[in-house]
Amino acid sequence: MGTLEKITNAIIETMPAQAKAATEEALAEGLSAKEILDSALIPGMDEVGRLFREGEYFVPEVLVAAKAMNQCMDLIEPLLVSGGVKKIGKVIAGTIEGDLHDIGKNLVCMMLKGAG
């Protein structure tokens, strides 16, 4: 099993520690933060969403999967937003205080930071 697949599976199987370890492994192997995001994290959460829609997962599983993804995002965010990108504007994004469902907002913010 490849490192990206390990990350995806750890998110789907709601294993935050394993997802974080696999993300660290992927970075050590030289995989880019964008590749990890696009090829492992997003597909993992897409599958979690599908399982939730089909009634196989419930809110607790989705929240633990989100925790796994957030731990991985904490590792790759600095790499996504670095790189000397010229700032081209400002964006304000937010969620309700205490909202645990902020993954989409965080992804958008990371990608916007990475693009300037």
N, C-alpha and C. Protein backbone atom coordinates (compact mmCIF):
# COMPACT_ATOMS: atom_id res chain seq x y z
N MET A 1 0.85 -1.18 0.00
CA MET A 1 0.00 0.00 0.00
C MET A 1 0.89 1.24 0.00
N GLY A 2 0.59 2.18 -0.89
CA GLY A 2 1.36 3.41 -0.97
C GLY A 2 1.02 4.36 0.17
N THR A 3 1.88 5.32 0.36
CA THR A 3 1.71 6.27 1.46
C THR A 3 0.42 7.08 1.33
N LEU A 4 0.11 7.52 0.11
CA LEU A 4 -1.13 8.29 -0.08
C LEU A 4 -2.35 7.45 0.25
N GLU A 5 -2.30 6.18 -0.14
CA GLU A 5 -3.41 5.27 0.17
C GLU A 5 -3.53 5.05 1.68
N LYS A 6 -2.39 5.01 2.38
CA LYS A 6 -2.42 4.88 3.84
C LYS A 6 -3.14 6.07 4.48
N ILE A 7 -2.86 7.27 3.96
CA ILE A 7 -3.51 8.47 4.49
C ILE A 7 -5.01 8.39 4.26
N THR A 8 -5.39 8.09 3.02
CA THR A 8 -6.80 8.00 2.67
C THR A 8 -7.52 6.98 3.54
N ASN A 9 -6.93 5.79 3.67
CA ASN A 9 -7.55 4.74 4.46
C ASN A 9 -7.65 5.12 5.94
N ALA A 10 -6.64 5.78 6.47
CA ALA A 10 -6.68 6.19 7.88
C ALA A 10 -7.81 7.19 8.12
N ILE A 11 -8.05 8.07 7.16
CA ILE A 11 -9.16 9.02 7.30
C ILE A 11 -10.48 8.27 7.24
N ILE A 12 -10.63 7.40 6.25
CA ILE A 12 -11.88 6.65 6.09
C ILE A 12 -12.14 5.77 7.30
N GLU A 13 -11.09 5.17 7.84
CA GLU A 13 -11.23 4.27 8.99
C GLU A 13 -11.20 5.01 10.32
N THR A 14 -11.24 6.34 10.28
CA THR A 14 -11.28 7.22 11.45
C THR A 14 -10.15 6.95 12.43
N MET A 15 -8.91 7.04 11.92
CA MET A 15 -7.73 6.81 12.74
C MET A 15 -6.79 8.02 12.63
N PRO A 16 -7.05 9.06 13.44
CA PRO A 16 -6.26 10.30 13.34
C PRO A 16 -4.75 10.11 13.50
N ALA A 17 -4.32 9.31 14.47
CA ALA A 17 -2.88 9.14 14.69
C ALA A 17 -2.20 8.50 13.48
N GLN A 18 -2.86 7.52 12.89
CA GLN A 18 -2.30 6.85 11.72
C GLN A 18 -2.29 7.79 10.51
N ALA A 19 -3.32 8.62 10.37
CA ALA A 19 -3.37 9.58 9.27
C ALA A 19 -2.22 10.58 9.39
N LYS A 20 -2.00 11.07 10.60
CA LYS A 20 -0.92 12.03 10.82
C LYS A 20 0.44 11.38 10.54
N ALA A 21 0.64 10.16 11.03
CA ALA A 21 1.91 9.47 10.81
C ALA A 21 2.15 9.22 9.32
N ALA A 22 1.12 8.83 8.60
CA ALA A 22 1.25 8.59 7.17
C ALA A 22 1.53 9.89 6.42
N THR A 23 0.95 10.98 6.87
CA THR A 23 1.22 12.29 6.26
C THR A 23 2.67 12.69 6.49
N GLU A 24 3.16 12.47 7.70
CA GLU A 24 4.58 12.75 7.99
C GLU A 24 5.47 11.89 7.10
N GLU A 25 5.09 10.63 6.91
CA GLU A 25 5.84 9.71 6.05
C GLU A 25 5.84 10.21 4.60
N ALA A 26 4.69 10.65 4.13
CA ALA A 26 4.58 11.15 2.75
C ALA A 26 5.47 12.38 2.55
N LEU A 27 5.47 13.28 3.52
CA LEU A 27 6.32 14.47 3.42
C LEU A 27 7.79 14.08 3.43
N ALA A 28 8.15 13.10 4.26
CA ALA A 28 9.54 12.63 4.32
C ALA A 28 9.96 11.98 3.00
N GLU A 29 9.00 11.39 2.29
CA GLU A 29 9.28 10.78 0.99
C GLU A 29 9.41 11.83 -0.11
N GLY A 30 9.09 13.07 0.21
CA GLY A 30 9.21 14.14 -0.77
C GLY A 30 7.94 14.45 -1.54
N LEU A 31 6.82 13.88 -1.13
CA LEU A 31 5.56 14.20 -1.80
C LEU A 31 5.17 15.63 -1.45
N SER A 32 4.59 16.33 -2.40
CA SER A 32 4.21 17.72 -2.17
C SER A 32 2.94 17.80 -1.33
N ALA A 33 2.80 18.92 -0.66
CA ALA A 33 1.60 19.15 0.16
C ALA A 33 0.35 19.12 -0.71
N LYS A 34 0.43 19.71 -1.91
CA LYS A 34 -0.72 19.72 -2.81
C LYS A 34 -1.09 18.31 -3.25
N GLU A 35 -0.08 17.49 -3.52
CA GLU A 35 -0.35 16.10 -3.91
C GLU A 35 -1.02 15.34 -2.77
N ILE A 36 -0.56 15.55 -1.56
CA ILE A 36 -1.17 14.90 -0.39
C ILE A 36 -2.62 15.35 -0.24
N LEU A 37 -2.84 16.64 -0.38
CA LEU A 37 -4.20 17.18 -0.26
C LEU A 37 -5.10 16.61 -1.35
N ASP A 38 -4.65 16.72 -2.60
CA ASP A 38 -5.49 16.34 -3.74
C ASP A 38 -5.67 14.83 -3.90
N SER A 39 -4.63 14.06 -3.56
CA SER A 39 -4.65 12.62 -3.84
C SER A 39 -4.95 11.74 -2.64
N ALA A 40 -4.98 12.32 -1.44
CA ALA A 40 -5.22 11.50 -0.25
C ALA A 40 -6.28 12.09 0.67
N LEU A 41 -6.11 13.34 1.06
CA LEU A 41 -7.02 13.92 2.06
C LEU A 41 -8.42 14.16 1.49
N ILE A 42 -8.50 14.81 0.34
CA ILE A 42 -9.82 15.09 -0.23
C ILE A 42 -10.54 13.80 -0.61
N PRO A 43 -9.86 12.84 -1.28
CA PRO A 43 -10.57 11.58 -1.58
C PRO A 43 -11.04 10.85 -0.31
N GLY A 44 -10.24 10.91 0.75
CA GLY A 44 -10.65 10.27 2.01
C GLY A 44 -11.92 10.88 2.56
N MET A 45 -11.98 12.21 2.60
CA MET A 45 -13.18 12.86 3.12
C MET A 45 -14.36 12.72 2.16
N ASP A 46 -14.09 12.63 0.86
CA ASP A 46 -15.17 12.36 -0.10
C ASP A 46 -15.83 11.02 0.21
N GLU A 47 -15.00 10.02 0.51
CA GLU A 47 -15.54 8.70 0.83
C GLU A 47 -16.29 8.73 2.16
N VAL A 48 -15.78 9.45 3.14
CA VAL A 48 -16.49 9.59 4.41
C VAL A 48 -17.85 10.23 4.17
N GLY A 49 -17.90 11.25 3.32
CA GLY A 49 -19.17 11.89 2.98
C GLY A 49 -20.13 10.93 2.32
N ARG A 50 -19.61 10.09 1.42
CA ARG A 50 -20.47 9.10 0.75
C ARG A 50 -21.02 8.11 1.77
N LEU A 51 -20.16 7.63 2.67
CA LEU A 51 -20.60 6.68 3.69
C LEU A 51 -21.66 7.31 4.60
N PHE A 52 -21.51 8.58 4.91
CA PHE A 52 -22.49 9.29 5.73
C PHE A 52 -23.82 9.40 4.99
N ARG A 53 -23.76 9.81 3.72
CA ARG A 53 -25.00 9.95 2.93
C ARG A 53 -25.75 8.62 2.82
N GLU A 54 -25.01 7.52 2.75
CA GLU A 54 -25.63 6.21 2.59
C GLU A 54 -26.03 5.58 3.92
N GLY A 55 -25.80 6.30 5.02
CA GLY A 55 -26.22 5.81 6.33
C GLY A 55 -25.29 4.79 6.95
N GLU A 56 -24.09 4.61 6.37
CA GLU A 56 -23.13 3.68 6.94
C GLU A 56 -22.30 4.34 8.04
N TYR A 57 -22.11 5.66 7.94
CA TYR A 57 -21.41 6.43 8.95
C TYR A 57 -22.40 7.41 9.55
N PHE A 58 -22.15 7.75 10.80
CA PHE A 58 -22.98 8.71 11.51
C PHE A 58 -22.10 9.88 11.94
N VAL A 59 -22.69 10.86 12.59
CA VAL A 59 -21.96 12.08 12.95
C VAL A 59 -20.67 11.78 13.72
N PRO A 60 -20.64 10.87 14.70
CA PRO A 60 -19.38 10.63 15.41
C PRO A 60 -18.24 10.19 14.48
N GLU A 61 -18.54 9.33 13.52
CA GLU A 61 -17.50 8.88 12.58
C GLU A 61 -17.01 10.04 11.71
N VAL A 62 -17.94 10.87 11.28
CA VAL A 62 -17.57 12.02 10.45
C VAL A 62 -16.68 12.98 11.25
N LEU A 63 -17.01 13.20 12.51
CA LEU A 63 -16.21 14.11 13.33
C LEU A 63 -14.80 13.57 13.58
N VAL A 64 -14.67 12.27 13.79
CA VAL A 64 -13.33 11.69 14.00
C VAL A 64 -12.53 11.73 12.70
N ALA A 65 -13.19 11.48 11.58
CA ALA A 65 -12.51 11.59 10.28
C ALA A 65 -12.06 13.03 10.05
N ALA A 66 -12.90 13.99 10.43
CA ALA A 66 -12.54 15.40 10.30
C ALA A 66 -11.35 15.74 11.19
N LYS A 67 -11.30 15.15 12.38
CA LYS A 67 -10.15 15.36 13.26
C LYS A 67 -8.89 14.83 12.60
N ALA A 68 -8.99 13.66 11.98
CA ALA A 68 -7.84 13.09 11.28
C ALA A 68 -7.37 14.02 10.16
N MET A 69 -8.32 14.51 9.40
CA MET A 69 -7.97 15.41 8.30
C MET A 69 -7.35 16.70 8.83
N ASN A 70 -7.90 17.25 9.89
CA ASN A 70 -7.36 18.49 10.46
C ASN A 70 -5.92 18.30 10.94
N GLN A 71 -5.62 17.14 11.53
CA GLN A 71 -4.25 16.88 11.97
C GLN A 71 -3.29 16.84 10.78
N CYS A 72 -3.75 16.25 9.69
CA CYS A 72 -2.94 16.20 8.47
C CYS A 72 -2.79 17.59 7.87
N MET A 73 -3.86 18.35 7.87
CA MET A 73 -3.83 19.70 7.31
C MET A 73 -2.88 20.59 8.11
N ASP A 74 -2.80 20.37 9.42
CA ASP A 74 -1.87 21.15 10.24
C ASP A 74 -0.43 20.95 9.77
N LEU A 75 -0.12 19.74 9.27
CA LEU A 75 1.22 19.44 8.79
C LEU A 75 1.50 20.05 7.41
N ILE A 76 0.50 20.05 6.55
CA ILE A 76 0.76 20.49 5.17
C ILE A 76 0.45 21.96 4.92
N GLU A 77 -0.35 22.58 5.79
CA GLU A 77 -0.73 23.98 5.55
C GLU A 77 0.47 24.91 5.39
N PRO A 78 1.48 24.83 6.27
CA PRO A 78 2.62 25.75 6.09
C PRO A 78 3.30 25.57 4.73
N LEU A 79 3.30 24.36 4.22
CA LEU A 79 3.92 24.09 2.92
C LEU A 79 3.07 24.61 1.77
N LEU A 80 1.76 24.55 1.94
CA LEU A 80 0.87 25.04 0.89
C LEU A 80 0.92 26.56 0.77
N VAL A 81 1.06 27.23 1.90
CA VAL A 81 1.00 28.70 1.88
C VAL A 81 2.38 29.34 1.73
N SER A 82 3.44 28.54 1.81
CA SER A 82 4.78 29.11 1.62
C SER A 82 5.12 29.08 0.14
N GLY A 83 6.30 29.49 -0.17
CA GLY A 83 6.73 29.43 -1.55
C GLY A 83 6.82 30.78 -2.22
N GLY A 84 6.80 31.85 -1.44
CA GLY A 84 7.01 33.17 -2.01
C GLY A 84 5.91 33.63 -2.95
N VAL A 85 4.70 33.23 -2.68
CA VAL A 85 3.59 33.65 -3.54
C VAL A 85 3.27 35.11 -3.27
N LYS A 86 3.14 35.88 -4.34
CA LYS A 86 2.82 37.30 -4.21
C LYS A 86 1.36 37.45 -3.77
N LYS A 87 1.16 38.25 -2.72
CA LYS A 87 -0.20 38.49 -2.24
C LYS A 87 -0.94 39.38 -3.22
N ILE A 88 -2.16 38.96 -3.56
CA ILE A 88 -2.94 39.71 -4.54
C ILE A 88 -4.24 40.26 -3.97
N GLY A 89 -4.50 40.00 -2.71
CA GLY A 89 -5.72 40.52 -2.12
C GLY A 89 -5.96 39.94 -0.74
N LYS A 90 -7.11 40.27 -0.19
CA LYS A 90 -7.50 39.77 1.13
C LYS A 90 -8.87 39.13 1.03
N VAL A 91 -9.06 38.08 1.81
CA VAL A 91 -10.34 37.38 1.87
C VAL A 91 -10.66 37.17 3.34
N ILE A 92 -11.90 37.34 3.69
CA ILE A 92 -12.36 37.04 5.04
C ILE A 92 -13.26 35.82 4.95
N ALA A 93 -12.95 34.81 5.74
CA ALA A 93 -13.75 33.59 5.77
C ALA A 93 -13.99 33.22 7.22
N GLY A 94 -15.12 32.65 7.50
CA GLY A 94 -15.40 32.30 8.88
C GLY A 94 -16.50 31.27 9.02
N THR A 95 -16.62 30.78 10.22
CA THR A 95 -17.71 29.89 10.59
C THR A 95 -18.24 30.35 11.94
N ILE A 96 -19.31 29.78 12.36
CA ILE A 96 -19.87 30.07 13.68
C ILE A 96 -18.87 29.62 14.74
N GLU A 97 -18.68 30.41 15.79
CA GLU A 97 -17.75 30.06 16.85
C GLU A 97 -18.07 28.68 17.41
N GLY A 98 -17.05 27.85 17.50
CA GLY A 98 -17.21 26.50 18.05
C GLY A 98 -17.68 25.47 17.03
N ASP A 99 -17.88 25.89 15.78
CA ASP A 99 -18.34 24.96 14.75
C ASP A 99 -17.25 23.95 14.43
N LEU A 100 -17.59 22.68 14.48
CA LEU A 100 -16.64 21.62 14.18
C LEU A 100 -16.63 21.27 12.70
N HIS A 101 -17.51 21.84 11.93
CA HIS A 101 -17.67 21.46 10.53
C HIS A 101 -17.03 22.50 9.62
N ASP A 102 -15.76 22.79 9.87
CA ASP A 102 -15.11 23.87 9.13
C ASP A 102 -14.06 23.38 8.14
N ILE A 103 -14.09 22.12 7.79
CA ILE A 103 -13.07 21.57 6.89
C ILE A 103 -13.08 22.27 5.54
N GLY A 104 -14.25 22.42 4.96
CA GLY A 104 -14.34 23.07 3.66
C GLY A 104 -13.79 24.48 3.69
N LYS A 105 -14.15 25.22 4.73
CA LYS A 105 -13.63 26.59 4.87
C LYS A 105 -12.12 26.57 4.99
N ASN A 106 -11.59 25.66 5.78
CA ASN A 106 -10.14 25.59 5.96
C ASN A 106 -9.43 25.23 4.66
N LEU A 107 -10.01 24.32 3.89
CA LEU A 107 -9.41 23.96 2.60
C LEU A 107 -9.38 25.16 1.67
N VAL A 108 -10.49 25.87 1.59
CA VAL A 108 -10.55 27.05 0.73
C VAL A 108 -9.52 28.08 1.18
N CYS A 109 -9.42 28.31 2.47
CA CYS A 109 -8.46 29.29 2.99
C CYS A 109 -7.03 28.90 2.65
N MET A 110 -6.70 27.62 2.81
CA MET A 110 -5.35 27.17 2.48
C MET A 110 -5.04 27.37 1.00
N MET A 111 -5.99 27.02 0.15
CA MET A 111 -5.76 27.14 -1.28
C MET A 111 -5.66 28.62 -1.69
N LEU A 112 -6.48 29.47 -1.08
CA LEU A 112 -6.39 30.90 -1.37
C LEU A 112 -5.05 31.48 -0.92
N LYS A 113 -4.59 31.08 0.27
CA LYS A 113 -3.29 31.54 0.75
C LYS A 113 -2.19 31.09 -0.20
N GLY A 114 -2.28 29.84 -0.64
CA GLY A 114 -1.28 29.30 -1.55
C GLY A 114 -1.26 30.00 -2.89
N ALA A 115 -2.40 30.55 -3.30
CA ALA A 115 -2.49 31.24 -4.59
C ALA A 115 -2.24 32.74 -4.47
N GLY A 116 -2.02 33.22 -3.26
CA GLY A 116 -1.74 34.64 -3.08
C GLY A 116 -2.92 35.39 -2.55
